[in-house]
Amino acid sequence: MSKHAAHLRARVFRFLDRLRSRGRSNMYGAVPYVMREFSLERLAAFELVCAWVDHDAARHDPAREEATRDIQPAPARGGIASGRSRPAAVGAGRVGGTRGGRGGRKPARSRAA
C-alpha cells in the first residue's frame, strides 16, 4: 500500500469512527458520506467502508483478529491504490432500494369536486 493510500485509509477510518459515534448514519449508509467528504468514486468509498467494517469487527473480536492477522490484502485492481478508475458498481446511480425514486408510493390523486 502506498504512503498516500495508507494516509487516506487512516483519515477515512477516523472519519467513520466519528460518523458512527455521532449516530448520524448506520454504517451501511456511510458510503455516500465518504464519497462526499473525500471526493471519491463510489467503488473506492465502498472498498474503504468494507475495510473499516472488517477492521472494526477485528478490534471488538480478538478471535477474529487472531484469525485474520496473517492475511495479506489482495493486490490493487483499481480504486485508490492504483490510481486507475473502475466502472461503477451495479446500482451505483440509485440511492435507496426502490425503483423510480418515489419510495414505492404512487402520487396521491386529487378528487375533482
C-alpha atoms as a PDB file:
ATOM      1  CA  MET A   1       0.000   0.000   0.000  1.00  0.00           C
ATOM      2  CA  SER A   2       1.433   3.360  -0.963  1.00  0.00           C
ATOM      3  CA  LYS A   3       2.045   6.069   1.599  1.00  0.00           C
ATOM      4  CA  HIS A   4      -0.785   8.172   0.134  1.00  0.00           C
ATOM      5  CA  ALA A   5      -3.249   5.260   0.196  1.00  0.00           C
ATOM      6  CA  ALA A   6      -2.304   4.414   3.795  1.00  0.00           C
ATOM      7  CA  HIS A   7      -2.767   8.055   4.845  1.00  0.00           C
ATOM      8  CA  LEU A   8      -6.153   8.259   3.095  1.00  0.00           C
ATOM      9  CA  ARG A   9      -7.246   4.985   4.682  1.00  0.00           C
ATOM     10  CA  ALA A  10      -6.302   6.262   8.164  1.00  0.00           C
ATOM     11  CA  ARG A  11      -8.214   9.532   7.575  1.00  0.00           C
ATOM     12  CA  VAL A  12     -11.289   7.666   6.322  1.00  0.00           C
ATOM     13  CA  PHE A  13     -11.171   5.266   9.296  1.00  0.00           C
ATOM     14  CA  ARG A  14     -11.094   8.216  11.739  1.00  0.00           C
ATOM     15  CA  PHE A  15     -13.960   9.837   9.834  1.00  0.00           C
ATOM     16  CA  LEU A  16     -16.019   6.624  10.026  1.00  0.00           C
ATOM     17  CA  ASP A  17     -15.310   6.269  13.751  1.00  0.00           C
ATOM     18  CA  ARG A  18     -16.653   9.810  14.293  1.00  0.00           C
ATOM     19  CA  LEU A  19     -19.628   9.221  11.994  1.00  0.00           C
ATOM     20  CA  ARG A  20     -20.658   6.124  13.952  1.00  0.00           C
ATOM     21  CA  SER A  21     -20.158   7.794  17.336  1.00  0.00           C
ATOM     22  CA  ARG A  22     -22.424  10.682  16.321  1.00  0.00           C
ATOM     23  CA  GLY A  23     -25.138   8.259  15.235  1.00  0.00           C
ATOM     24  CA  ARG A  24     -25.862  10.266  12.099  1.00  0.00           C
ATOM     25  CA  SER A  25     -25.969   7.196   9.868  1.00  0.00           C
ATOM     26  CA  ASN A  26     -25.801   3.462  10.227  1.00  0.00           C
ATOM     27  CA  MET A  27     -22.620   2.198   8.676  1.00  0.00           C
ATOM     28  CA  TYR A  28     -24.404   0.601   5.725  1.00  0.00           C
ATOM     29  CA  GLY A  29     -25.257   4.152   4.644  1.00  0.00           C
ATOM     30  CA  ALA A  30     -21.735   5.519   5.125  1.00  0.00           C
ATOM     31  CA  VAL A  31     -20.561   5.221   1.501  1.00  0.00           C
ATOM     32  CA  PRO A  32     -22.165   8.486   0.270  1.00  0.00           C
ATOM     33  CA  TYR A  33     -20.697  10.342   3.262  1.00  0.00           C
ATOM     34  CA  VAL A  34     -17.197   9.053   2.448  1.00  0.00           C
ATOM     35  CA  MET A  35     -17.668   9.862  -1.248  1.00  0.00           C
ATOM     36  CA  ARG A  36     -18.626  13.443  -0.465  1.00  0.00           C
ATOM     37  CA  GLU A  37     -16.055  14.077   2.284  1.00  0.00           C
ATOM     38  CA  PHE A  38     -13.049  12.673   0.399  1.00  0.00           C
ATOM     39  CA  SER A  39     -14.140  13.244  -3.243  1.00  0.00           C
ATOM     40  CA  LEU A  40     -14.027   9.535  -4.034  1.00  0.00           C
ATOM     41  CA  GLU A  41     -15.852   7.409  -6.557  1.00  0.00           C
ATOM     42  CA  ARG A  42     -18.460   5.013  -5.178  1.00  0.00           C
ATOM     43  CA  LEU A  43     -16.324   1.886  -5.588  1.00  0.00           C
ATOM     44  CA  ALA A  44     -13.297   3.357  -3.784  1.00  0.00           C
ATOM     45  CA  ALA A  45     -15.523   4.611  -0.950  1.00  0.00           C
ATOM     46  CA  PHE A  46     -17.268   1.232  -0.749  1.00  0.00           C
ATOM     47  CA  GLU A  47     -13.921  -0.610  -0.529  1.00  0.00           C
ATOM     48  CA  LEU A  48     -12.765   1.683   2.280  1.00  0.00           C
ATOM     49  CA  VAL A  49     -16.011   1.295   4.232  1.00  0.00           C
ATOM     50  CA  CYS A  50     -15.782  -2.511   3.870  1.00  0.00           C
ATOM     51  CA  ALA A  51     -12.162  -2.430   5.079  1.00  0.00           C
ATOM     52  CA  TRP A  52     -13.232  -0.286   8.048  1.00  0.00           C
ATOM     53  CA  VAL A  53     -16.064  -2.695   8.929  1.00  0.00           C
ATOM     54  CA  ASP A  54     -13.612  -5.627   8.884  1.00  0.00           C
ATOM     55  CA  HIS A  55     -11.069  -3.640  10.918  1.00  0.00           C
ATOM     56  CA  ASP A  56     -13.721  -2.558  13.419  1.00  0.00           C
ATOM     57  CA  ALA A  57     -15.019  -6.110  13.819  1.00  0.00           C
ATOM     58  CA  ALA A  58     -11.465  -7.335  14.444  1.00  0.00           C
ATOM     59  CA  ARG A  59     -10.989  -4.640  17.114  1.00  0.00           C
ATOM     60  CA  HIS A  60     -14.019  -5.950  19.002  1.00  0.00           C
ATOM     61  CA  ASP A  61     -13.449  -9.674  18.445  1.00  0.00           C
ATOM     62  CA  PRO A  62      -9.972 -10.918  19.492  1.00  0.00           C
ATOM     63  CA  ALA A  63     -10.559 -14.350  17.899  1.00  0.00           C
ATOM     64  CA  ARG A  64     -11.263 -12.744  14.537  1.00  0.00           C
ATOM     65  CA  GLU A  65      -8.199 -10.534  14.848  1.00  0.00           C
ATOM     66  CA  GLU A  66      -6.050 -13.609  15.549  1.00  0.00           C
ATOM     67  CA  ALA A  67      -7.519 -15.457  12.553  1.00  0.00           C
ATOM     68  CA  THR A  68      -7.018 -12.546  10.116  1.00  0.00           C
ATOM     69  CA  ARG A  69      -3.643 -11.280  11.346  1.00  0.00           C
ATOM     70  CA  ASP A  70      -1.576 -13.157   8.712  1.00  0.00           C
ATOM     71  CA  ILE A  71      -3.912 -12.471   5.790  1.00  0.00           C
ATOM     72  CA  GLN A  72      -2.376 -10.038   3.318  1.00  0.00           C
ATOM     73  CA  PRO A  73      -4.623  -7.663   1.352  1.00  0.00           C
ATOM     74  CA  ALA A  74      -5.285  -8.571  -2.267  1.00  0.00           C
ATOM     75  CA  PRO A  75      -3.281  -6.662  -4.889  1.00  0.00           C
ATOM     76  CA  ALA A  76      -4.937  -3.477  -6.091  1.00  0.00           C
ATOM     77  CA  ARG A  77      -7.224  -3.842  -9.111  1.00  0.00           C
ATOM     78  CA  GLY A  78      -8.101  -0.204  -9.439  1.00  0.00           C
ATOM     79  CA  GLY A  79      -9.635   2.180  -6.967  1.00  0.00           C
ATOM     80  CA  ILE A  80      -7.457   4.237  -4.658  1.00  0.00           C
ATOM     81  CA  ALA A  81      -4.293   2.131  -4.655  1.00  0.00           C
ATOM     82  CA  SER A  82      -3.545   2.012  -8.379  1.00  0.00           C
ATOM     83  CA  GLY A  83      -4.974   5.340  -9.461  1.00  0.00           C
ATOM     84  CA  ARG A  84      -6.987   3.671 -12.243  1.00  0.00           C
ATOM     85  CA  SER A  85     -10.693   4.193 -12.396  1.00  0.00           C
ATOM     86  CA  ARG A  86     -13.078   1.247 -12.463  1.00  0.00           C
ATOM     87  CA  PRO A  87     -16.648   1.011 -13.642  1.00  0.00           C
ATOM     88  CA  ALA A  88     -19.250   1.951 -11.088  1.00  0.00           C
ATOM     89  CA  ALA A  89     -20.865  -0.804  -9.052  1.00  0.00           C
ATOM     90  CA  VAL A  90     -24.213  -2.184 -10.129  1.00  0.00           C
ATOM     91  CA  GLY A  91     -26.947   0.156  -8.996  1.00  0.00           C
ATOM     92  CA  ALA A  92     -24.421   2.894  -8.214  1.00  0.00           C
ATOM     93  CA  GLY A  93     -26.674   5.595  -9.607  1.00  0.00           C
ATOM     94  CA  ARG A  94     -29.535   4.773  -7.275  1.00  0.00           C
ATOM     95  CA  VAL A  95     -29.699   5.703  -3.662  1.00  0.00           C
ATOM     96  CA  GLY A  96     -32.174   3.663  -1.695  1.00  0.00           C
ATOM     97  CA  GLY A  97     -33.696   0.383  -2.605  1.00  0.00           C
ATOM     98  CA  THR A  98     -36.747   1.282  -4.663  1.00  0.00           C
ATOM     99  CA  ARG A  99     -37.202   1.750  -8.341  1.00  0.00           C
ATOM    100  CA  GLY A 100     -38.478   5.049  -9.570  1.00  0.00           C
ATOM    101  CA  GLY A 101     -37.099   7.041  -6.646  1.00  0.00           C
ATOM    102  CA  ARG A 102     -40.501   7.661  -5.018  1.00  0.00           C
ATOM    103  CA  GLY A 103     -40.123   5.239  -2.146  1.00  0.00           C
ATOM    104  CA  GLY A 104     -42.532   2.819  -3.789  1.00  0.00           C
ATOM    105  CA  ARG A 105     -45.537   5.087  -3.404  1.00  0.00           C
ATOM    106  CA  LYS A 106     -47.761   6.366  -6.159  1.00  0.00           C
ATOM    107  CA  PRO A 107     -48.654  10.031  -6.082  1.00  0.00           C
ATOM    108  CA  ALA A 108     -51.993  10.790  -4.430  1.00  0.00           C
ATOM    109  CA  ARG A 109     -54.836  11.569  -6.812  1.00  0.00           C
ATOM    110  CA  SER A 110     -56.752  14.698  -6.292  1.00  0.00           C
ATOM    111  CA  ARG A 111     -60.501  14.319  -6.385  1.00  0.00           C
ATOM    112  CA  ALA A 112     -62.435  16.581  -8.690  1.00  0.00           C
ATOM    113  CA  ALA A 113     -65.457  18.014  -6.918  1.00  0.00           C
END
